Amino acid sequence: MRTLDFSPLYRSAIGFDRLFNQMEQNLNNSNGGYPPYNIEQQDENHYRITMAVAGFGEEQIEISQHQNRLIVTGKRAEADAEDKRHYLYQGIAERDFERKFQLADHVKVIGASMENGLLHIELEREVPEEEKPRKIAINGQRLIGREETVVNDNI
């Protein structure tokens, strides 16, 4: 079991206590890393989560997003009494799961697909125009709007 002490960081990182609490919570997560997943950054604003969900069909997986939380849930179909198998060795996990991801602001799910036992979830970050950085001219004319042009009235 890994344990990390984030207390030295609390002294110098003001306002990041929520982030550290989430990191501690994720380290102490009880699902044992099932199912395994990758997070890939495709470019500056596009990401992909790939989860290994062998044995699950599309109808057994539910993906939901509520504010900044993405939840992926897999529920196995109930097996009949006569469908019970006797395994000599069972290395493929056949259990329900719930995997939660905390998304950054302005990140939304744009699609999902399954291919060869892998669930791909496509994410995109869309920063609103009013939150994007803008340049301010020094000793320049006063800025009123973002895309405003200056008109000369002396013509």
C-alpha atoms as a PDB file:
ATOM      1  CA  MET A   1       0.000   0.000   0.000  1.00  0.00           C
ATOM      2  CA  ARG A   2       1.411   3.366  -0.983  1.00  0.00           C
ATOM      3  CA  THR A   3       1.048   6.291   1.354  1.00  0.00           C
ATOM      4  CA  LEU A   4       2.102   9.806   0.512  1.00  0.00           C
ATOM      5  CA  ASP A   5       2.222  12.736   2.903  1.00  0.00           C
ATOM      6  CA  PHE A   6       1.029  15.940   1.241  1.00  0.00           C
ATOM      7  CA  SER A   7       1.204  18.046   4.414  1.00  0.00           C
ATOM      8  CA  PRO A   8       4.453  19.876   3.416  1.00  0.00           C
ATOM      9  CA  LEU A   9       2.723  21.023   0.242  1.00  0.00           C
ATOM     10  CA  TYR A  10      -0.217  22.505   2.178  1.00  0.00           C
ATOM     11  CA  ARG A  11       2.128  25.150   3.618  1.00  0.00           C
ATOM     12  CA  SER A  12       3.173  26.597   0.264  1.00  0.00           C
ATOM     13  CA  ALA A  13       0.222  25.832  -2.038  1.00  0.00           C
ATOM     14  CA  ILE A  14      -2.572  28.123  -0.929  1.00  0.00           C
ATOM     15  CA  GLY A  15      -5.986  27.262  -2.328  1.00  0.00           C
ATOM     16  CA  PHE A  16      -4.968  23.837  -3.604  1.00  0.00           C
ATOM     17  CA  ASP A  17      -6.219  21.874  -0.596  1.00  0.00           C
ATOM     18  CA  ARG A  18      -9.114  20.451  -2.635  1.00  0.00           C
ATOM     19  CA  LEU A  19      -6.633  19.124  -5.204  1.00  0.00           C
ATOM     20  CA  PHE A  20      -4.531  17.448  -2.514  1.00  0.00           C
ATOM     21  CA  ASN A  21      -7.630  15.927  -0.911  1.00  0.00           C
ATOM     22  CA  GLN A  22      -8.631  14.440  -4.280  1.00  0.00           C
ATOM     23  CA  MET A  23      -5.139  13.021  -4.778  1.00  0.00           C
ATOM     24  CA  GLU A  24      -5.225  11.379  -1.348  1.00  0.00           C
ATOM     25  CA  GLN A  25      -8.712  10.024  -2.036  1.00  0.00           C
ATOM     26  CA  ASN A  26      -7.605   8.556  -5.372  1.00  0.00           C
ATOM     27  CA  LEU A  27      -4.550   6.917  -3.787  1.00  0.00           C
ATOM     28  CA  ASN A  28      -6.791   5.290  -1.188  1.00  0.00           C
ATOM     29  CA  ASN A  29      -9.370   4.212  -3.771  1.00  0.00           C
ATOM     30  CA  SER A  30     -10.865   0.847  -2.842  1.00  0.00           C
ATOM     31  CA  ASN A  31     -11.574  -0.537  -6.331  1.00  0.00           C
ATOM     32  CA  GLY A  32      -8.026  -1.877  -6.670  1.00  0.00           C
ATOM     33  CA  GLY A  33      -7.422  -0.310 -10.078  1.00  0.00           C
ATOM     34  CA  TYR A  34     -10.172  -2.218 -11.865  1.00  0.00           C
ATOM     35  CA  PRO A  35     -10.724  -1.782 -14.705  1.00  0.00           C
ATOM     36  CA  PRO A  36      -7.355  -0.539 -15.925  1.00  0.00           C
ATOM     37  CA  TYR A  37      -7.358   2.640 -17.995  1.00  0.00           C
ATOM     38  CA  ASN A  38      -5.158   5.089 -19.911  1.00  0.00           C
ATOM     39  CA  ILE A  39      -5.536   8.854 -20.224  1.00  0.00           C
ATOM     40  CA  GLU A  40      -4.104  10.265 -23.441  1.00  0.00           C
ATOM     41  CA  GLN A  41      -3.656  13.905 -24.427  1.00  0.00           C
ATOM     42  CA  GLN A  42      -4.164  14.085 -28.178  1.00  0.00           C
ATOM     43  CA  ASP A  43      -3.535  17.828 -28.489  1.00  0.00           C
ATOM     44  CA  GLU A  44      -3.902  20.951 -26.361  1.00  0.00           C
ATOM     45  CA  ASN A  45      -7.695  20.627 -25.999  1.00  0.00           C
ATOM     46  CA  HIS A  46      -8.499  16.974 -26.772  1.00  0.00           C
ATOM     47  CA  TYR A  47      -8.136  13.977 -24.486  1.00  0.00           C
ATOM     48  CA  ARG A  48      -9.059  10.289 -24.592  1.00  0.00           C
ATOM     49  CA  ILE A  49      -9.727   7.874 -21.750  1.00  0.00           C
ATOM     50  CA  THR A  50      -9.343   4.226 -22.754  1.00  0.00           C
ATOM     51  CA  MET A  51     -10.636   1.560 -20.375  1.00  0.00           C
ATOM     52  CA  ALA A  52     -10.122  -2.201 -20.684  1.00  0.00           C
ATOM     53  CA  VAL A  53     -13.653  -3.593 -20.278  1.00  0.00           C
ATOM     54  CA  ALA A  54     -13.266  -7.120 -21.652  1.00  0.00           C
ATOM     55  CA  GLY A  55     -16.440  -9.156 -21.304  1.00  0.00           C
ATOM     56  CA  PHE A  56     -18.778  -6.149 -21.104  1.00  0.00           C
ATOM     57  CA  GLY A  57     -21.175  -5.211 -23.889  1.00  0.00           C
ATOM     58  CA  GLU A  58     -22.249  -1.681 -24.765  1.00  0.00           C
ATOM     59  CA  GLU A  59     -25.608  -2.249 -23.064  1.00  0.00           C
ATOM     60  CA  GLN A  60     -23.854  -3.109 -19.774  1.00  0.00           C
ATOM     61  CA  ILE A  61     -21.852   0.117 -19.566  1.00  0.00           C
ATOM     62  CA  GLU A  62     -23.214   3.513 -18.557  1.00  0.00           C
ATOM     63  CA  ILE A  63     -21.306   6.783 -18.950  1.00  0.00           C
ATOM     64  CA  SER A  64     -22.553   9.931 -17.252  1.00  0.00           C
ATOM     65  CA  GLN A  65     -21.182  13.406 -16.667  1.00  0.00           C
ATOM     66  CA  HIS A  66     -22.433  15.675 -13.925  1.00  0.00           C
ATOM     67  CA  GLN A  67     -20.644  19.026 -13.760  1.00  0.00           C
ATOM     68  CA  ASN A  68     -16.926  18.161 -13.449  1.00  0.00           C
ATOM     69  CA  ARG A  69     -17.365  14.481 -12.627  1.00  0.00           C
ATOM     70  CA  LEU A  70     -17.315  11.678 -15.192  1.00  0.00           C
ATOM     71  CA  ILE A  71     -18.662   8.338 -13.976  1.00  0.00           C
ATOM     72  CA  VAL A  72     -18.275   5.083 -15.900  1.00  0.00           C
ATOM     73  CA  THR A  73     -20.284   2.142 -14.535  1.00  0.00           C
ATOM     74  CA  GLY A  74     -20.298  -1.473 -15.692  1.00  0.00           C
ATOM     75  CA  LYS A  75     -22.980  -3.893 -14.537  1.00  0.00           C
ATOM     76  CA  ARG A  76     -22.772  -7.582 -15.405  1.00  0.00           C
ATOM     77  CA  ALA A  77     -25.932  -9.389 -16.396  1.00  0.00           C
ATOM     78  CA  GLU A  78     -27.271 -11.751 -13.744  1.00  0.00           C
ATOM     79  CA  ALA A  79     -26.180 -15.307 -14.513  1.00  0.00           C
ATOM     80  CA  ASP A  80     -28.670 -18.152 -14.488  1.00  0.00           C
ATOM     81  CA  ALA A  81     -28.178 -20.961 -11.958  1.00  0.00           C
ATOM     82  CA  GLU A  82     -27.483 -23.407 -14.788  1.00  0.00           C
ATOM     83  CA  ASP A  83     -24.998 -20.994 -16.392  1.00  0.00           C
ATOM     84  CA  LYS A  84     -22.625 -21.135 -13.390  1.00  0.00           C
ATOM     85  CA  ARG A  85     -19.177 -22.221 -14.479  1.00  0.00           C
ATOM     86  CA  HIS A  86     -16.546 -24.102 -12.576  1.00  0.00           C
ATOM     87  CA  TYR A  87     -13.212 -22.373 -13.169  1.00  0.00           C
ATOM     88  CA  LEU A  88      -9.886 -24.048 -12.541  1.00  0.00           C
ATOM     89  CA  TYR A  89      -8.297 -20.609 -12.821  1.00  0.00           C
ATOM     90  CA  GLN A  90     -10.056 -17.278 -13.327  1.00  0.00           C
ATOM     91  CA  GLY A  91      -7.743 -14.438 -14.329  1.00  0.00           C
ATOM     92  CA  ILE A  92     -10.359 -12.350 -16.134  1.00  0.00           C
ATOM     93  CA  ALA A  93     -12.276 -10.249 -13.648  1.00  0.00           C
ATOM     94  CA  GLU A  94     -16.028 -10.507 -14.130  1.00  0.00           C
ATOM     95  CA  ARG A  95     -17.320  -8.009 -11.627  1.00  0.00           C
ATOM     96  CA  ASP A  96     -19.280  -4.797 -11.633  1.00  0.00           C
ATOM     97  CA  PHE A  97     -17.303  -1.580 -11.489  1.00  0.00           C
ATOM     98  CA  GLU A  98     -17.645   2.140 -11.073  1.00  0.00           C
ATOM     99  CA  ARG A  99     -14.765   4.401 -12.091  1.00  0.00           C
ATOM    100  CA  LYS A 100     -14.923   8.148 -11.375  1.00  0.00           C
ATOM    101  CA  PHE A 101     -12.851  10.861 -13.019  1.00  0.00           C
ATOM    102  CA  GLN A 102     -12.622  14.465 -11.879  1.00  0.00           C
ATOM    103  CA  LEU A 103     -12.598  16.680 -14.971  1.00  0.00           C
ATOM    104  CA  ALA A 104     -11.076  20.139 -15.204  1.00  0.00           C
ATOM    105  CA  ASP A 105     -13.264  23.167 -15.814  1.00  0.00           C
ATOM    106  CA  HIS A 106     -14.741  23.406 -19.326  1.00  0.00           C
ATOM    107  CA  VAL A 107     -13.953  19.756 -20.198  1.00  0.00           C
ATOM    108  CA  LYS A 108     -16.872  17.834 -21.664  1.00  0.00           C
ATOM    109  CA  VAL A 109     -17.448  14.388 -23.110  1.00  0.00           C
ATOM    110  CA  ILE A 110     -17.919  14.550 -26.876  1.00  0.00           C
ATOM    111  CA  GLY A 111     -18.236  10.847 -27.662  1.00  0.00           C
ATOM    112  CA  ALA A 112     -17.621   7.241 -26.702  1.00  0.00           C
ATOM    113  CA  SER A 113     -17.003   4.029 -28.617  1.00  0.00           C
ATOM    114  CA  MET A 114     -16.096   0.386 -27.954  1.00  0.00           C
ATOM    115  CA  GLU A 115     -13.595  -1.567 -29.987  1.00  0.00           C
ATOM    116  CA  ASN A 116     -11.971  -4.945 -29.210  1.00  0.00           C
ATOM    117  CA  GLY A 117     -12.832  -4.841 -25.504  1.00  0.00           C
ATOM    118  CA  LEU A 118     -11.638  -1.247 -25.084  1.00  0.00           C
ATOM    119  CA  LEU A 119     -13.953   1.619 -24.195  1.00  0.00           C
ATOM    120  CA  HIS A 120     -12.778   4.949 -25.648  1.00  0.00           C
ATOM    121  CA  ILE A 121     -14.179   8.174 -24.175  1.00  0.00           C
ATOM    122  CA  GLU A 122     -13.367  11.357 -26.101  1.00  0.00           C
ATOM    123  CA  LEU A 123     -13.053  14.605 -24.142  1.00  0.00           C
ATOM    124  CA  GLU A 124     -12.674  18.200 -25.262  1.00  0.00           C
ATOM    125  CA  ARG A 125     -11.817  21.375 -23.381  1.00  0.00           C
ATOM    126  CA  GLU A 126     -13.746  24.420 -24.602  1.00  0.00           C
ATOM    127  CA  VAL A 127     -12.638  27.577 -22.833  1.00  0.00           C
ATOM    128  CA  PRO A 128     -15.258  30.333 -23.230  1.00  0.00           C
ATOM    129  CA  GLU A 129     -14.089  33.368 -25.193  1.00  0.00           C
ATOM    130  CA  GLU A 130     -14.441  35.672 -22.179  1.00  0.00           C
ATOM    131  CA  GLU A 131     -12.008  33.490 -20.190  1.00  0.00           C
ATOM    132  CA  LYS A 132      -9.296  33.304 -22.842  1.00  0.00           C
ATOM    133  CA  PRO A 133      -6.246  35.511 -22.282  1.00  0.00           C
ATOM    134  CA  ARG A 134      -6.076  38.802 -24.170  1.00  0.00           C
ATOM    135  CA  LYS A 135      -3.306  41.312 -24.745  1.00  0.00           C
ATOM    136  CA  ILE A 136      -3.516  44.771 -23.231  1.00  0.00           C
ATOM    137  CA  ALA A 137      -1.681  47.591 -24.999  1.00  0.00           C
ATOM    138  CA  ILE A 138       0.436  49.878 -22.822  1.00  0.00           C
ATOM    139  CA  ASN A 139      -0.289  53.574 -23.460  1.00  0.00           C
ATOM    140  CA  GLY A 140      -2.698  52.444 -26.133  1.00  0.00           C
ATOM    141  CA  GLN A 141      -6.307  53.303 -26.628  1.00  0.00           C
ATOM    142  CA  ARG A 142      -8.820  52.172 -24.073  1.00  0.00           C
ATOM    143  CA  LEU A 143     -10.224  48.688 -24.726  1.00  0.00           C
ATOM    144  CA  ILE A 144     -13.998  48.471 -24.523  1.00  0.00           C
ATOM    145  CA  GLY A 145     -14.653  45.127 -26.193  1.00  0.00           C
ATOM    146  CA  ARG A 146     -12.657  42.212 -27.511  1.00  0.00           C
ATOM    147  CA  GLU A 147     -13.168  42.682 -31.251  1.00  0.00           C
ATOM    148  CA  GLU A 148     -13.826  46.408 -31.396  1.00  0.00           C
ATOM    149  CA  THR A 149     -12.242  48.621 -34.061  1.00  0.00           C
ATOM    150  CA  VAL A 150     -11.434  52.294 -33.657  1.00  0.00           C
ATOM    151  CA  VAL A 151     -13.297  54.601 -36.048  1.00  0.00           C
ATOM    152  CA  ASN A 152     -11.920  58.054 -36.907  1.00  0.00           C
ATOM    153  CA  ASP A 153     -14.747  60.652 -36.839  1.00  0.00           C
ATOM    154  CA  ASN A 154     -12.629  63.388 -38.491  1.00  0.00           C
ATOM    155  CA  ILE A 155     -13.223  62.249 -42.072  1.00  0.00           C
END
